[in-house]
Amino acid sequence: MKDLYSSSAYQKICEYGIMPLVTLDDAKDALLLGQALTECNLPVVEITFRTDAAADAIKLLKEKYPQLLVGAGTVLTPKMAEIAIDAGAAFVLAPGINPEVVQYCQSREILPFPGCMTPSDLELSGRLNLKCVKIFPFIPMGGVKMLKAISAPFPSMKYLVTGGINSENLAECLAFPKIVACGGSWLINQSALKSGDLKKLKDDINQAKHERDIAVRRCF
């Protein structure tokens, strides 16, 4: 099996450290989203499969902004994973851990990030040859303190955390070395996206990048 963790997709996620999570009602809004992310030099996004617009939004982003690293979120079944990957998703995230989804993504050589919350989830992840998983919902379930506790028996596992992340807790999250990136909806203002306010979108993205850079400096 190809080592998916040596791939450029995984390395870029680790490099960026923050990842916008966006749910789109209209696929065309993806074009402004892609412009804002590209111009702010944060070319990564998770498009959630919580609406029917998700697959078309991913296709539009990949056509207009091929350099953008686009992932699919809220992927619950192998069929959803197939649709997402065929649309252009470079990685797949799920709220829970479904071995069939994980194995399908691996068969397509696409990074899966199943959602985990318990030591049993992490043990299963290890059996599925995963080296990095999503912790969700991170903050509501105890945040860094919780993750330090459940991750202790799994020293080689890394984590992408989502759920409740914002500018107030980002620094604490990124300061924990086992966390490779933080994802969340706080990065993209939905009202600004719907109204076409590119300046507001870019201001928020740049502010999040600034907060990330401060947090990363605190890690050393």
N, C-alpha and C. Protein backbone atom coordinates (compact mmCIF):
# COMPACT_ATOMS: atom_id res chain seq x y z
N MET A 1 0.83 -1.20 0.00
CA MET A 1 0.00 0.00 0.00
C MET A 1 0.87 1.25 0.00
N LYS A 2 0.51 2.21 -0.81
CA LYS A 2 1.24 3.48 -0.88
C LYS A 2 1.19 4.18 0.48
N ASP A 3 2.31 4.78 0.87
CA ASP A 3 2.35 5.54 2.12
C ASP A 3 1.70 6.89 1.89
N LEU A 4 0.43 7.01 2.30
CA LEU A 4 -0.32 8.24 2.06
C LEU A 4 0.19 9.41 2.89
N TYR A 5 0.98 9.10 3.92
CA TYR A 5 1.45 10.16 4.81
C TYR A 5 2.76 10.79 4.32
N SER A 6 3.28 10.25 3.24
CA SER A 6 4.41 10.90 2.59
C SER A 6 3.94 11.72 1.39
N SER A 7 2.62 11.74 1.18
CA SER A 7 2.04 12.45 0.05
C SER A 7 2.09 13.95 0.26
N SER A 8 2.01 14.67 -0.85
CA SER A 8 2.02 16.13 -0.76
C SER A 8 0.78 16.65 -0.05
N ALA A 9 -0.35 15.94 -0.18
CA ALA A 9 -1.58 16.39 0.47
C ALA A 9 -1.40 16.42 1.98
N TYR A 10 -0.89 15.34 2.55
CA TYR A 10 -0.70 15.30 4.00
C TYR A 10 0.35 16.32 4.44
N GLN A 11 1.43 16.42 3.70
CA GLN A 11 2.48 17.36 4.07
C GLN A 11 1.98 18.80 4.04
N LYS A 12 1.13 19.11 3.07
CA LYS A 12 0.59 20.46 2.98
C LYS A 12 -0.37 20.76 4.13
N ILE A 13 -1.20 19.79 4.49
CA ILE A 13 -2.11 19.98 5.62
C ILE A 13 -1.31 20.30 6.88
N CYS A 14 -0.23 19.55 7.09
CA CYS A 14 0.63 19.81 8.25
C CYS A 14 1.29 21.18 8.16
N GLU A 15 1.71 21.55 6.97
CA GLU A 15 2.37 22.85 6.76
C GLU A 15 1.41 24.01 7.02
N TYR A 16 0.18 23.92 6.52
CA TYR A 16 -0.77 25.01 6.67
C TYR A 16 -1.25 25.16 8.11
N GLY A 17 -1.47 24.04 8.81
CA GLY A 17 -1.82 24.08 10.22
C GLY A 17 -3.26 24.44 10.53
N ILE A 18 -3.90 25.18 9.65
CA ILE A 18 -5.32 25.52 9.81
C ILE A 18 -6.04 25.19 8.51
N MET A 19 -7.31 24.79 8.65
CA MET A 19 -8.06 24.39 7.46
C MET A 19 -9.51 24.84 7.59
N PRO A 20 -9.96 25.68 6.67
CA PRO A 20 -11.36 26.10 6.69
C PRO A 20 -12.30 24.93 6.42
N LEU A 21 -13.39 24.91 7.12
CA LEU A 21 -14.47 23.95 6.91
C LEU A 21 -15.68 24.74 6.44
N VAL A 22 -16.20 24.39 5.27
CA VAL A 22 -17.26 25.20 4.67
C VAL A 22 -18.38 24.31 4.17
N THR A 23 -19.61 24.71 4.49
CA THR A 23 -20.81 24.07 3.95
C THR A 23 -21.47 25.05 2.98
N LEU A 24 -21.66 24.62 1.75
CA LEU A 24 -22.18 25.51 0.71
C LEU A 24 -23.58 25.08 0.28
N ASP A 25 -24.49 26.04 0.24
CA ASP A 25 -25.83 25.79 -0.30
C ASP A 25 -25.84 25.96 -1.81
N ASP A 26 -24.94 26.79 -2.31
CA ASP A 26 -24.85 27.07 -3.73
C ASP A 26 -23.41 26.81 -4.18
N ALA A 27 -23.23 25.87 -5.11
CA ALA A 27 -21.89 25.51 -5.55
C ALA A 27 -21.12 26.70 -6.11
N LYS A 28 -21.83 27.66 -6.70
CA LYS A 28 -21.16 28.81 -7.30
C LYS A 28 -20.42 29.66 -6.28
N ASP A 29 -20.83 29.59 -5.01
CA ASP A 29 -20.12 30.33 -3.97
C ASP A 29 -18.69 29.82 -3.80
N ALA A 30 -18.43 28.62 -4.30
CA ALA A 30 -17.08 28.05 -4.19
C ALA A 30 -16.06 28.89 -4.94
N LEU A 31 -16.49 29.59 -5.99
CA LEU A 31 -15.55 30.37 -6.79
C LEU A 31 -14.97 31.54 -5.99
N LEU A 32 -15.81 32.25 -5.25
CA LEU A 32 -15.32 33.35 -4.41
C LEU A 32 -14.48 32.79 -3.27
N LEU A 33 -14.92 31.67 -2.73
CA LEU A 33 -14.16 31.02 -1.66
C LEU A 33 -12.75 30.67 -2.14
N GLY A 34 -12.66 30.06 -3.31
CA GLY A 34 -11.37 29.70 -3.86
C GLY A 34 -10.50 30.91 -4.11
N GLN A 35 -11.10 32.00 -4.58
CA GLN A 35 -10.34 33.23 -4.83
C GLN A 35 -9.75 33.76 -3.53
N ALA A 36 -10.58 33.80 -2.48
CA ALA A 36 -10.10 34.33 -1.20
C ALA A 36 -8.97 33.48 -0.64
N LEU A 37 -9.13 32.17 -0.67
CA LEU A 37 -8.10 31.29 -0.12
C LEU A 37 -6.81 31.37 -0.92
N THR A 38 -6.94 31.44 -2.23
CA THR A 38 -5.75 31.50 -3.08
C THR A 38 -5.01 32.82 -2.89
N GLU A 39 -5.73 33.92 -2.88
CA GLU A 39 -5.09 35.23 -2.74
C GLU A 39 -4.48 35.43 -1.35
N CYS A 40 -4.99 34.69 -0.37
CA CYS A 40 -4.43 34.77 1.00
C CYS A 40 -3.36 33.71 1.24
N ASN A 41 -3.05 32.94 0.21
CA ASN A 41 -2.03 31.89 0.32
C ASN A 41 -2.35 30.88 1.43
N LEU A 42 -3.62 30.50 1.49
CA LEU A 42 -4.04 29.39 2.34
C LEU A 42 -4.86 28.44 1.45
N PRO A 43 -4.20 27.75 0.54
CA PRO A 43 -4.92 26.99 -0.48
C PRO A 43 -5.37 25.61 -0.03
N VAL A 44 -6.22 25.57 0.99
CA VAL A 44 -6.75 24.31 1.49
C VAL A 44 -8.14 24.55 2.04
N VAL A 45 -9.05 23.58 1.84
CA VAL A 45 -10.40 23.73 2.35
C VAL A 45 -11.08 22.37 2.44
N GLU A 46 -11.95 22.23 3.41
CA GLU A 46 -12.82 21.07 3.52
C GLU A 46 -14.24 21.49 3.13
N ILE A 47 -14.79 20.86 2.11
CA ILE A 47 -16.17 21.10 1.71
C ILE A 47 -17.02 19.96 2.27
N THR A 48 -17.97 20.28 3.12
CA THR A 48 -18.75 19.22 3.77
C THR A 48 -19.86 18.72 2.86
N PHE A 49 -20.12 17.43 2.96
CA PHE A 49 -21.22 16.81 2.21
C PHE A 49 -22.49 16.85 3.05
N ARG A 50 -22.83 18.07 3.48
CA ARG A 50 -24.07 18.27 4.24
C ARG A 50 -25.16 18.89 3.37
N THR A 51 -24.79 19.22 2.12
CA THR A 51 -25.77 19.73 1.16
C THR A 51 -25.51 19.05 -0.18
N ASP A 52 -26.48 19.19 -1.08
CA ASP A 52 -26.35 18.59 -2.41
C ASP A 52 -25.35 19.33 -3.29
N ALA A 53 -24.89 20.49 -2.83
CA ALA A 53 -23.97 21.29 -3.64
C ALA A 53 -22.52 20.85 -3.50
N ALA A 54 -22.22 19.94 -2.60
CA ALA A 54 -20.83 19.64 -2.25
C ALA A 54 -20.01 19.15 -3.44
N ALA A 55 -20.48 18.13 -4.14
CA ALA A 55 -19.70 17.56 -5.24
C ALA A 55 -19.45 18.58 -6.33
N ASP A 56 -20.47 19.34 -6.70
CA ASP A 56 -20.31 20.36 -7.73
C ASP A 56 -19.35 21.46 -7.28
N ALA A 57 -19.38 21.79 -5.99
CA ALA A 57 -18.48 22.81 -5.46
C ALA A 57 -17.03 22.35 -5.56
N ILE A 58 -16.78 21.09 -5.24
CA ILE A 58 -15.42 20.55 -5.34
C ILE A 58 -14.95 20.58 -6.80
N LYS A 59 -15.84 20.19 -7.71
CA LYS A 59 -15.49 20.21 -9.13
C LYS A 59 -15.13 21.61 -9.59
N LEU A 60 -15.94 22.59 -9.20
CA LEU A 60 -15.67 23.97 -9.59
C LEU A 60 -14.34 24.47 -9.04
N LEU A 61 -14.07 24.15 -7.79
CA LEU A 61 -12.81 24.58 -7.18
C LEU A 61 -11.61 23.98 -7.91
N LYS A 62 -11.70 22.71 -8.24
CA LYS A 62 -10.57 22.05 -8.91
C LYS A 62 -10.39 22.54 -10.34
N GLU A 63 -11.48 22.91 -10.99
CA GLU A 63 -11.38 23.43 -12.35
C GLU A 63 -10.80 24.84 -12.37
N LYS A 64 -11.27 25.69 -11.46
CA LYS A 64 -10.86 27.09 -11.44
C LYS A 64 -9.55 27.30 -10.70
N TYR A 65 -9.33 26.53 -9.64
CA TYR A 65 -8.14 26.69 -8.80
C TYR A 65 -7.47 25.32 -8.61
N PRO A 66 -6.82 24.81 -9.64
CA PRO A 66 -6.26 23.45 -9.55
C PRO A 66 -5.19 23.30 -8.48
N GLN A 67 -4.58 24.41 -8.07
CA GLN A 67 -3.56 24.35 -7.03
C GLN A 67 -4.16 24.20 -5.63
N LEU A 68 -5.47 24.38 -5.52
CA LEU A 68 -6.15 24.32 -4.23
C LEU A 68 -6.27 22.87 -3.75
N LEU A 69 -5.92 22.64 -2.50
CA LEU A 69 -6.05 21.31 -1.90
C LEU A 69 -7.46 21.22 -1.30
N VAL A 70 -8.30 20.43 -1.93
CA VAL A 70 -9.71 20.36 -1.54
C VAL A 70 -10.03 18.98 -0.95
N GLY A 71 -10.63 19.00 0.23
CA GLY A 71 -11.06 17.77 0.86
C GLY A 71 -12.57 17.73 0.99
N ALA A 72 -13.10 16.53 1.18
CA ALA A 72 -14.53 16.34 1.36
C ALA A 72 -14.79 15.93 2.81
N GLY A 73 -15.74 16.61 3.45
CA GLY A 73 -16.08 16.31 4.83
C GLY A 73 -17.46 15.68 4.97
N THR A 74 -17.72 15.16 6.15
CA THR A 74 -19.00 14.52 6.46
C THR A 74 -19.30 13.38 5.48
N VAL A 75 -18.27 12.60 5.19
CA VAL A 75 -18.40 11.47 4.28
C VAL A 75 -18.75 10.23 5.11
N LEU A 76 -19.93 9.68 4.88
CA LEU A 76 -20.47 8.65 5.76
C LEU A 76 -20.44 7.25 5.17
N THR A 77 -20.33 7.13 3.85
CA THR A 77 -20.40 5.82 3.20
C THR A 77 -19.35 5.73 2.09
N PRO A 78 -19.00 4.51 1.68
CA PRO A 78 -18.08 4.38 0.55
C PRO A 78 -18.60 5.06 -0.71
N LYS A 79 -19.91 5.03 -0.94
CA LYS A 79 -20.47 5.68 -2.12
C LYS A 79 -20.24 7.19 -2.06
N MET A 80 -20.44 7.79 -0.89
CA MET A 80 -20.16 9.22 -0.76
C MET A 80 -18.69 9.50 -1.01
N ALA A 81 -17.83 8.62 -0.52
CA ALA A 81 -16.39 8.78 -0.75
C ALA A 81 -16.08 8.71 -2.23
N GLU A 82 -16.72 7.79 -2.93
CA GLU A 82 -16.51 7.66 -4.37
C GLU A 82 -16.90 8.93 -5.10
N ILE A 83 -18.07 9.48 -4.76
CA ILE A 83 -18.54 10.72 -5.39
C ILE A 83 -17.56 11.87 -5.11
N ALA A 84 -17.11 11.95 -3.87
CA ALA A 84 -16.20 13.03 -3.49
C ALA A 84 -14.87 12.93 -4.22
N ILE A 85 -14.31 11.73 -4.27
CA ILE A 85 -13.01 11.53 -4.92
C ILE A 85 -13.12 11.75 -6.42
N ASP A 86 -14.20 11.26 -7.01
CA ASP A 86 -14.39 11.47 -8.45
C ASP A 86 -14.57 12.95 -8.78
N ALA A 87 -15.08 13.72 -7.81
CA ALA A 87 -15.24 15.17 -8.02
C ALA A 87 -13.92 15.92 -7.90
N GLY A 88 -12.93 15.28 -7.27
CA GLY A 88 -11.62 15.91 -7.16
C GLY A 88 -11.07 16.04 -5.76
N ALA A 89 -11.74 15.46 -4.77
CA ALA A 89 -11.27 15.56 -3.38
C ALA A 89 -9.93 14.85 -3.22
N ALA A 90 -8.99 15.53 -2.57
CA ALA A 90 -7.66 14.97 -2.33
C ALA A 90 -7.57 14.28 -0.98
N PHE A 91 -8.56 14.50 -0.12
CA PHE A 91 -8.63 13.81 1.16
C PHE A 91 -10.09 13.77 1.61
N VAL A 92 -10.37 12.86 2.53
CA VAL A 92 -11.75 12.62 2.95
C VAL A 92 -11.81 12.60 4.47
N LEU A 93 -12.78 13.32 5.02
CA LEU A 93 -12.98 13.37 6.46
C LEU A 93 -14.37 12.85 6.81
N ALA A 94 -14.48 12.24 7.98
CA ALA A 94 -15.76 11.71 8.43
C ALA A 94 -15.95 12.03 9.91
N PRO A 95 -17.19 12.11 10.37
CA PRO A 95 -17.43 12.39 11.79
C PRO A 95 -17.13 11.19 12.69
N GLY A 96 -17.20 9.98 12.12
CA GLY A 96 -16.93 8.77 12.87
C GLY A 96 -16.00 7.86 12.08
N ILE A 97 -15.68 6.71 12.66
CA ILE A 97 -14.76 5.80 11.99
C ILE A 97 -15.53 4.61 11.42
N ASN A 98 -15.61 4.58 10.10
CA ASN A 98 -16.26 3.51 9.36
C ASN A 98 -15.17 2.79 8.55
N PRO A 99 -14.80 1.56 8.94
CA PRO A 99 -13.72 0.86 8.25
C PRO A 99 -13.93 0.76 6.74
N GLU A 100 -15.18 0.64 6.30
CA GLU A 100 -15.43 0.52 4.86
C GLU A 100 -15.05 1.81 4.12
N VAL A 101 -15.35 2.94 4.73
CA VAL A 101 -14.97 4.22 4.13
C VAL A 101 -13.45 4.37 4.11
N VAL A 102 -12.81 4.05 5.22
CA VAL A 102 -11.35 4.14 5.31
C VAL A 102 -10.70 3.27 4.24
N GLN A 103 -11.13 2.02 4.14
CA GLN A 103 -10.52 1.09 3.21
C GLN A 103 -10.79 1.47 1.76
N TYR A 104 -11.97 2.04 1.49
CA TYR A 104 -12.24 2.50 0.13
C TYR A 104 -11.28 3.63 -0.24
N CYS A 105 -11.11 4.60 0.65
CA CYS A 105 -10.20 5.71 0.38
C CYS A 105 -8.78 5.19 0.16
N GLN A 106 -8.36 4.27 0.99
CA GLN A 106 -7.02 3.70 0.85
C GLN A 106 -6.86 3.00 -0.50
N SER A 107 -7.92 2.33 -0.95
CA SER A 107 -7.85 1.64 -2.24
C SER A 107 -7.72 2.63 -3.39
N ARG A 108 -8.19 3.86 -3.19
CA ARG A 108 -8.08 4.92 -4.21
C ARG A 108 -6.84 5.80 -3.97
N GLU A 109 -6.05 5.44 -2.96
CA GLU A 109 -4.85 6.19 -2.58
C GLU A 109 -5.17 7.64 -2.23
N ILE A 110 -6.25 7.78 -1.47
CA ILE A 110 -6.71 9.08 -0.98
C ILE A 110 -6.68 9.06 0.55
N LEU A 111 -6.17 10.13 1.14
CA LEU A 111 -6.06 10.22 2.60
C LEU A 111 -7.42 10.18 3.28
N PRO A 112 -7.65 9.23 4.20
CA PRO A 112 -8.87 9.28 5.01
C PRO A 112 -8.56 9.83 6.41
N PHE A 113 -9.46 10.66 6.90
CA PHE A 113 -9.36 11.16 8.27
C PHE A 113 -10.67 10.82 8.98
N PRO A 114 -10.81 9.60 9.50
CA PRO A 114 -12.03 9.25 10.21
C PRO A 114 -12.09 9.97 11.56
N GLY A 115 -13.31 10.25 12.00
CA GLY A 115 -13.48 10.90 13.28
C GLY A 115 -13.37 9.91 14.43
N CYS A 116 -12.55 10.24 15.41
CA CYS A 116 -12.32 9.38 16.57
C CYS A 116 -12.56 10.17 17.86
N MET A 117 -12.90 9.45 18.92
CA MET A 117 -13.13 10.12 20.19
C MET A 117 -12.77 9.25 21.39
N THR A 118 -12.49 7.98 21.18
CA THR A 118 -12.22 7.08 22.29
C THR A 118 -10.94 6.27 22.03
N PRO A 119 -10.35 5.68 23.07
CA PRO A 119 -9.22 4.79 22.86
C PRO A 119 -9.57 3.62 21.94
N SER A 120 -10.80 3.16 21.99
CA SER A 120 -11.20 2.07 21.08
C SER A 120 -11.14 2.53 19.63
N ASP A 121 -11.57 3.77 19.37
CA ASP A 121 -11.47 4.32 18.02
C ASP A 121 -10.02 4.37 17.57
N LEU A 122 -9.13 4.79 18.45
CA LEU A 122 -7.72 4.92 18.08
C LEU A 122 -7.08 3.56 17.88
N GLU A 123 -7.49 2.57 18.68
CA GLU A 123 -6.97 1.23 18.49
C GLU A 123 -7.39 0.67 17.13
N LEU A 124 -8.66 0.89 16.76
CA LEU A 124 -9.14 0.46 15.46
C LEU A 124 -8.40 1.18 14.34
N SER A 125 -8.13 2.46 14.53
CA SER A 125 -7.40 3.23 13.53
C SER A 125 -6.02 2.63 13.27
N GLY A 126 -5.36 2.21 14.33
CA GLY A 126 -4.06 1.59 14.17
C GLY A 126 -4.14 0.30 13.36
N ARG A 127 -5.19 -0.48 13.58
CA ARG A 127 -5.36 -1.72 12.82
C ARG A 127 -5.65 -1.44 11.35
N LEU A 128 -6.18 -0.25 11.07
CA LEU A 128 -6.46 0.14 9.69
C LEU A 128 -5.27 0.87 9.05
N ASN A 129 -4.13 0.83 9.73
CA ASN A 129 -2.89 1.43 9.22
C ASN A 129 -2.96 2.95 9.08
N LEU A 130 -3.74 3.58 9.95
CA LEU A 130 -3.83 5.04 9.95
C LEU A 130 -2.77 5.62 10.88
N LYS A 131 -2.19 6.74 10.45
CA LYS A 131 -1.19 7.42 11.25
C LYS A 131 -1.67 8.78 11.74
N CYS A 132 -2.78 9.25 11.18
CA CYS A 132 -3.35 10.53 11.58
C CYS A 132 -4.86 10.44 11.43
N VAL A 133 -5.59 10.82 12.47
CA VAL A 133 -7.05 10.76 12.43
C VAL A 133 -7.63 12.09 12.88
N LYS A 134 -8.91 12.25 12.62
CA LYS A 134 -9.62 13.45 13.06
C LYS A 134 -10.19 13.21 14.46
N ILE A 135 -10.07 14.20 15.31
CA ILE A 135 -10.74 14.15 16.61
C ILE A 135 -11.92 15.11 16.55
N PHE A 136 -13.12 14.56 16.75
CA PHE A 136 -14.34 15.35 16.60
C PHE A 136 -15.42 14.81 17.55
N PRO A 137 -16.15 15.70 18.22
CA PRO A 137 -15.99 17.16 18.30
C PRO A 137 -14.97 17.51 19.38
N PHE A 138 -13.94 18.19 19.02
CA PHE A 138 -12.76 18.32 19.85
C PHE A 138 -12.99 19.13 21.13
N ILE A 139 -13.37 20.38 20.99
CA ILE A 139 -13.52 21.24 22.17
C ILE A 139 -14.68 20.79 23.07
N PRO A 140 -15.87 20.49 22.53
CA PRO A 140 -16.96 20.06 23.40
C PRO A 140 -16.66 18.80 24.21
N MET A 141 -15.77 17.96 23.70
CA MET A 141 -15.46 16.72 24.39
C MET A 141 -14.23 16.80 25.27
N GLY A 142 -13.69 17.99 25.45
CA GLY A 142 -12.60 18.13 26.41
C GLY A 142 -11.32 18.73 25.88
N GLY A 143 -11.22 18.95 24.58
CA GLY A 143 -10.08 19.66 24.01
C GLY A 143 -8.73 19.00 24.28
N VAL A 144 -7.72 19.83 24.47
CA VAL A 144 -6.35 19.35 24.60
C VAL A 144 -6.20 18.44 25.81
N LYS A 145 -6.80 18.78 26.92
CA LYS A 145 -6.69 17.96 28.12
C LYS A 145 -7.20 16.54 27.86
N MET A 146 -8.33 16.42 27.18
CA MET A 146 -8.88 15.12 26.83
C MET A 146 -7.94 14.37 25.89
N LEU A 147 -7.43 15.06 24.85
CA LEU A 147 -6.59 14.40 23.86
C LEU A 147 -5.29 13.91 24.48
N LYS A 148 -4.71 14.68 25.37
CA LYS A 148 -3.50 14.22 26.04
C LYS A 148 -3.74 12.91 26.79
N ALA A 149 -4.91 12.79 27.36
CA ALA A 149 -5.24 11.58 28.12
C ALA A 149 -5.44 10.37 27.21
N ILE A 150 -6.27 10.51 26.17
CA ILE A 150 -6.59 9.32 25.37
C ILE A 150 -5.49 8.97 24.37
N SER A 151 -4.62 9.95 24.06
CA SER A 151 -3.58 9.68 23.07
C SER A 151 -2.33 9.06 23.68
N ALA A 152 -2.21 9.09 24.99
CA ALA A 152 -0.99 8.61 25.64
C ALA A 152 -0.61 7.17 25.26
N PRO A 153 -1.57 6.23 25.15
CA PRO A 153 -1.20 4.86 24.77
C PRO A 153 -0.86 4.69 23.29
N PHE A 154 -1.01 5.76 22.51
CA PHE A 154 -0.79 5.67 21.06
C PHE A 154 0.23 6.73 20.64
N PRO A 155 1.49 6.56 21.01
CA PRO A 155 2.48 7.64 20.86
C PRO A 155 2.77 8.05 19.43
N SER A 156 2.52 7.19 18.45
CA SER A 156 2.86 7.54 17.07
C SER A 156 1.70 8.17 16.29
N MET A 157 0.50 8.19 16.87
CA MET A 157 -0.65 8.74 16.17
C MET A 157 -0.63 10.26 16.20
N LYS A 158 -1.02 10.87 15.07
CA LYS A 158 -1.16 12.32 14.97
C LYS A 158 -2.64 12.67 14.77
N TYR A 159 -2.96 13.97 14.94
CA TYR A 159 -4.36 14.34 14.98
C TYR A 159 -4.66 15.64 14.22
N LEU A 160 -5.78 15.60 13.50
CA LEU A 160 -6.39 16.78 12.92
C LEU A 160 -7.65 17.02 13.73
N VAL A 161 -7.76 18.18 14.37
CA VAL A 161 -8.87 18.38 15.30
C VAL A 161 -9.88 19.37 14.74
N THR A 162 -11.15 19.07 14.93
CA THR A 162 -12.23 19.95 14.50
C THR A 162 -13.34 19.92 15.53
N GLY A 163 -14.16 20.96 15.51
CA GLY A 163 -15.28 21.03 16.44
C GLY A 163 -15.01 21.99 17.57
N GLY A 164 -15.51 23.21 17.43
CA GLY A 164 -15.35 24.20 18.49
C GLY A 164 -14.05 24.98 18.45
N ILE A 165 -13.24 24.79 17.41
CA ILE A 165 -11.99 25.55 17.30
C ILE A 165 -12.31 27.00 16.90
N ASN A 166 -11.61 27.94 17.53
CA ASN A 166 -11.78 29.34 17.18
C ASN A 166 -10.51 30.11 17.54
N SER A 167 -10.54 31.42 17.34
CA SER A 167 -9.34 32.23 17.57
C SER A 167 -8.92 32.22 19.03
N GLU A 168 -9.83 31.92 19.94
CA GLU A 168 -9.50 31.96 21.36
C GLU A 168 -8.76 30.71 21.83
N ASN A 169 -8.99 29.58 21.18
CA ASN A 169 -8.34 28.35 21.62
C ASN A 169 -7.35 27.78 20.62
N LEU A 170 -7.16 28.45 19.49
CA LEU A 170 -6.28 27.94 18.45
C LEU A 170 -4.86 27.75 18.96
N ALA A 171 -4.34 28.72 19.68
CA ALA A 171 -2.95 28.65 20.15
C ALA A 171 -2.74 27.43 21.04
N GLU A 172 -3.65 27.20 21.95
CA GLU A 172 -3.53 26.04 22.85
C GLU A 172 -3.55 24.74 22.06
N CYS A 173 -4.41 24.68 21.05
CA CYS A 173 -4.51 23.46 20.25
C CYS A 173 -3.22 23.19 19.47
N LEU A 174 -2.71 24.19 18.79
CA LEU A 174 -1.52 24.01 17.98
C LEU A 174 -0.27 23.81 18.81
N ALA A 175 -0.32 24.18 20.08
CA ALA A 175 0.84 23.99 20.96
C ALA A 175 1.05 22.53 21.33
N PHE A 176 0.03 21.70 21.15
CA PHE A 176 0.18 20.27 21.45
C PHE A 176 0.82 19.60 20.24
N PRO A 177 2.03 19.04 20.38
CA PRO A 177 2.79 18.56 19.22
C PRO A 177 2.09 17.48 18.40
N LYS A 178 1.18 16.74 18.99
CA LYS A 178 0.53 15.66 18.25
C LYS A 178 -0.58 16.17 17.32
N ILE A 179 -0.95 17.43 17.46
CA ILE A 179 -1.95 18.03 16.59
C ILE A 179 -1.26 18.63 15.37
N VAL A 180 -1.59 18.11 14.18
CA VAL A 180 -0.94 18.60 12.96
C VAL A 180 -1.69 19.77 12.35
N ALA A 181 -3.00 19.86 12.61
CA ALA A 181 -3.79 20.95 12.03
C ALA A 181 -5.11 21.08 12.76
N CYS A 182 -5.68 22.28 12.68
CA CYS A 182 -6.98 22.58 13.27
C CYS A 182 -7.93 23.01 12.16
N GLY A 183 -9.09 22.38 12.10
CA GLY A 183 -10.08 22.75 11.11
C GLY A 183 -11.30 23.36 11.76
N GLY A 184 -12.01 24.18 10.99
CA GLY A 184 -13.22 24.74 11.56
C GLY A 184 -13.89 25.77 10.68
N SER A 185 -15.13 26.07 11.02
CA SER A 185 -15.93 27.01 10.24
C SER A 185 -15.65 28.45 10.63
N TRP A 186 -14.91 28.67 11.72
CA TRP A 186 -14.65 30.06 12.14
C TRP A 186 -13.81 30.82 11.12
N LEU A 187 -13.11 30.10 10.26
CA LEU A 187 -12.21 30.74 9.30
C LEU A 187 -12.94 31.47 8.17
N ILE A 188 -14.15 31.01 7.85
CA ILE A 188 -14.88 31.57 6.72
C ILE A 188 -16.22 32.13 7.19
N ASN A 189 -16.41 33.42 7.02
CA ASN A 189 -17.66 34.07 7.40
C ASN A 189 -18.72 33.77 6.33
N GLN A 190 -19.74 33.01 6.71
CA GLN A 190 -20.76 32.59 5.75
C GLN A 190 -21.53 33.77 5.17
N SER A 191 -21.79 34.76 5.98
CA SER A 191 -22.52 35.94 5.49
C SER A 191 -21.71 36.68 4.43
N ALA A 192 -20.41 36.80 4.68
CA ALA A 192 -19.54 37.47 3.72
C ALA A 192 -19.46 36.67 2.42
N LEU A 193 -19.45 35.36 2.55
CA LEU A 193 -19.38 34.52 1.35
C LEU A 193 -20.65 34.67 0.52
N LYS A 194 -21.79 34.64 1.17
CA LYS A 194 -23.06 34.74 0.45
C LYS A 194 -23.26 36.12 -0.18
N SER A 195 -22.74 37.15 0.49
CA SER A 195 -22.92 38.52 -0.03
C SER A 195 -21.83 38.92 -1.02
N GLY A 196 -20.83 38.06 -1.18
CA GLY A 196 -19.76 38.37 -2.12
C GLY A 196 -18.73 39.35 -1.59
N ASP A 197 -18.59 39.42 -0.27
CA ASP A 197 -17.66 40.37 0.35
C ASP A 197 -16.26 39.75 0.42
N LEU A 198 -15.50 39.92 -0.67
CA LEU A 198 -14.17 39.33 -0.74
C LEU A 198 -13.23 39.92 0.31
N LYS A 199 -13.33 41.21 0.55
CA LYS A 199 -12.44 41.85 1.53
C LYS A 199 -12.64 41.25 2.92
N LYS A 200 -13.87 41.06 3.34
CA LYS A 200 -14.14 40.49 4.65
C LYS A 200 -13.60 39.06 4.74
N LEU A 201 -13.81 38.29 3.68
CA LEU A 201 -13.29 36.92 3.66
C LEU A 201 -11.78 36.91 3.82
N LYS A 202 -11.11 37.76 3.08
CA LYS A 202 -9.65 37.79 3.12
C LYS A 202 -9.13 38.33 4.46
N ASP A 203 -9.82 39.32 5.01
CA ASP A 203 -9.41 39.84 6.31
C ASP A 203 -9.46 38.75 7.37
N ASP A 204 -10.54 37.96 7.36
CA ASP A 204 -10.69 36.89 8.36
C ASP A 204 -9.65 35.79 8.16
N ILE A 205 -9.39 35.43 6.92
CA ILE A 205 -8.39 34.40 6.63
C ILE A 205 -7.00 34.86 7.07
N ASN A 206 -6.67 36.09 6.75
CA ASN A 206 -5.36 36.62 7.12
C ASN A 206 -5.22 36.73 8.64
N GLN A 207 -6.30 37.07 9.32
CA GLN A 207 -6.26 37.14 10.78
C GLN A 207 -6.02 35.75 11.36
N ALA A 208 -6.68 34.73 10.81
CA ALA A 208 -6.48 33.36 11.28
C ALA A 208 -5.05 32.90 11.03
N LYS A 209 -4.48 33.28 9.89
CA LYS A 209 -3.09 32.94 9.61
C LYS A 209 -2.15 33.61 10.61
N HIS A 210 -2.44 34.84 10.96
CA HIS A 210 -1.63 35.55 11.94
C HIS A 210 -1.69 34.84 13.30
N GLU A 211 -2.89 34.45 13.70
CA GLU A 211 -3.06 33.73 14.97
C GLU A 211 -2.33 32.39 14.93
N ARG A 212 -2.38 31.73 13.77
CA ARG A 212 -1.64 30.47 13.62
C ARG A 212 -0.15 30.68 13.77
N ASP A 213 0.37 31.71 13.14
CA ASP A 213 1.81 31.96 13.19
C ASP A 213 2.27 32.26 14.61
N ILE A 214 1.47 33.01 15.34
CA ILE A 214 1.80 33.27 16.75
C ILE A 214 1.78 31.98 17.55
N ALA A 215 0.76 31.16 17.32
CA ALA A 215 0.63 29.89 18.03
C ALA A 215 1.80 28.97 17.74
N VAL A 216 2.21 28.91 16.49
CA VAL A 216 3.32 28.03 16.10
C VAL A 216 4.61 28.50 16.77
N ARG A 217 4.83 29.81 16.84
CA ARG A 217 6.02 30.31 17.50
C ARG A 217 6.03 29.93 18.97
N ARG A 218 4.86 29.86 19.58
CA ARG A 218 4.78 29.50 20.99
C ARG A 218 5.13 28.03 21.22
N CYS A 219 5.09 27.22 20.16
CA CYS A 219 5.38 25.80 20.32
C CYS A 219 6.87 25.54 20.54
N PHE A 220 7.71 26.51 20.20
CA PHE A 220 9.14 26.26 20.23
C PHE A 220 9.82 27.01 21.38
